[in-house]
Amino acid sequence: MRFNPDLKAKYTALRAAGKPATVAIVAIMRKLLETANALVKADRVWTEKPSCL
């Protein structure tokens, strides 16, 4: 969540909604696992979105 803008936005939204930090981190871990499983299932590799500079 420190280096991925999408995960950081999800974490800050959860924290702003009043969720404890531990709950927000576990939600981010689950999202990472779901993404990794989807990539493996589709036989794809991770491609980072280009930054908008």
C-alpha atoms as a PDB file:
ATOM      1  CA  MET A   1       0.000   0.000   0.000  1.00  0.00           C
ATOM      2  CA  ARG A   2       3.008   2.270   0.297  1.00  0.00           C
ATOM      3  CA  PHE A   3       3.967   2.089  -3.365  1.00  0.00           C
ATOM      4  CA  ASN A   4       0.729   1.213  -5.205  1.00  0.00           C
ATOM      5  CA  PRO A   5      -1.628   4.199  -5.604  1.00  0.00           C
ATOM      6  CA  ASP A   6      -4.754   2.025  -5.957  1.00  0.00           C
ATOM      7  CA  LEU A   7      -4.034   0.088  -2.778  1.00  0.00           C
ATOM      8  CA  LYS A   8      -3.121   3.278  -0.948  1.00  0.00           C
ATOM      9  CA  ALA A   9      -6.468   4.833  -1.923  1.00  0.00           C
ATOM     10  CA  LYS A  10      -8.308   1.726  -0.690  1.00  0.00           C
ATOM     11  CA  TYR A  11      -6.390   1.786   2.608  1.00  0.00           C
ATOM     12  CA  THR A  12      -7.035   5.486   3.237  1.00  0.00           C
ATOM     13  CA  ALA A  13     -10.723   5.042   2.378  1.00  0.00           C
ATOM     14  CA  LEU A  14     -11.025   2.232   4.905  1.00  0.00           C
ATOM     15  CA  ARG A  15      -9.209   4.262   7.565  1.00  0.00           C
ATOM     16  CA  ALA A  16     -11.408   7.294   6.832  1.00  0.00           C
ATOM     17  CA  ALA A  17     -14.466   5.072   7.281  1.00  0.00           C
ATOM     18  CA  GLY A  18     -13.301   4.362  10.832  1.00  0.00           C
ATOM     19  CA  LYS A  19     -11.792   0.905  10.357  1.00  0.00           C
ATOM     20  CA  PRO A  20      -8.839   0.000  12.580  1.00  0.00           C
ATOM     21  CA  ALA A  21      -5.432  -0.107  10.898  1.00  0.00           C
ATOM     22  CA  THR A  22      -5.175  -3.878  11.298  1.00  0.00           C
ATOM     23  CA  VAL A  23      -8.506  -4.444   9.557  1.00  0.00           C
ATOM     24  CA  ALA A  24      -7.511  -2.144   6.708  1.00  0.00           C
ATOM     25  CA  ILE A  25      -4.162  -3.934   6.254  1.00  0.00           C
ATOM     26  CA  VAL A  26      -5.854  -7.342   6.196  1.00  0.00           C
ATOM     27  CA  ALA A  27      -8.266  -6.051   3.538  1.00  0.00           C
ATOM     28  CA  ILE A  28      -5.302  -4.912   1.433  1.00  0.00           C
ATOM     29  CA  MET A  29      -3.611  -8.308   1.878  1.00  0.00           C
ATOM     30  CA  ARG A  30      -6.787 -10.045   0.732  1.00  0.00           C
ATOM     31  CA  LYS A  31      -7.004  -7.771  -2.316  1.00  0.00           C
ATOM     32  CA  LEU A  32      -3.379  -8.625  -3.202  1.00  0.00           C
ATOM     33  CA  LEU A  33      -4.088 -12.350  -2.888  1.00  0.00           C
ATOM     34  CA  GLU A  34      -7.176 -12.091  -5.080  1.00  0.00           C
ATOM     35  CA  THR A  35      -5.192 -10.187  -7.710  1.00  0.00           C
ATOM     36  CA  ALA A  36      -2.340 -12.711  -7.613  1.00  0.00           C
ATOM     37  CA  ASN A  37      -4.748 -15.649  -7.917  1.00  0.00           C
ATOM     38  CA  ALA A  38      -6.522 -14.023 -10.862  1.00  0.00           C
ATOM     39  CA  LEU A  39      -3.187 -13.444 -12.618  1.00  0.00           C
ATOM     40  CA  VAL A  40      -2.116 -17.055 -12.095  1.00  0.00           C
ATOM     41  CA  LYS A  41      -5.488 -18.376 -13.239  1.00  0.00           C
ATOM     42  CA  ALA A  42      -5.381 -16.271 -16.426  1.00  0.00           C
ATOM     43  CA  ASP A  43      -1.677 -17.087 -16.988  1.00  0.00           C
ATOM     44  CA  ARG A  44      -0.771 -13.400 -17.077  1.00  0.00           C
ATOM     45  CA  VAL A  45       2.000 -11.321 -15.574  1.00  0.00           C
ATOM     46  CA  TRP A  46       1.673  -8.159 -13.521  1.00  0.00           C
ATOM     47  CA  THR A  47       1.952  -4.970 -15.577  1.00  0.00           C
ATOM     48  CA  GLU A  48       2.115  -1.710 -13.741  1.00  0.00           C
ATOM     49  CA  LYS A  49      -0.070   1.132 -14.945  1.00  0.00           C
ATOM     50  CA  PRO A  50       1.963   4.006 -16.409  1.00  0.00           C
ATOM     51  CA  SER A  51       2.102   6.975 -14.089  1.00  0.00           C
ATOM     52  CA  CYS A  52       0.334  10.176 -15.112  1.00  0.00           C
ATOM     53  CA  LEU A  53       3.087  12.785 -14.874  1.00  0.00           C
END
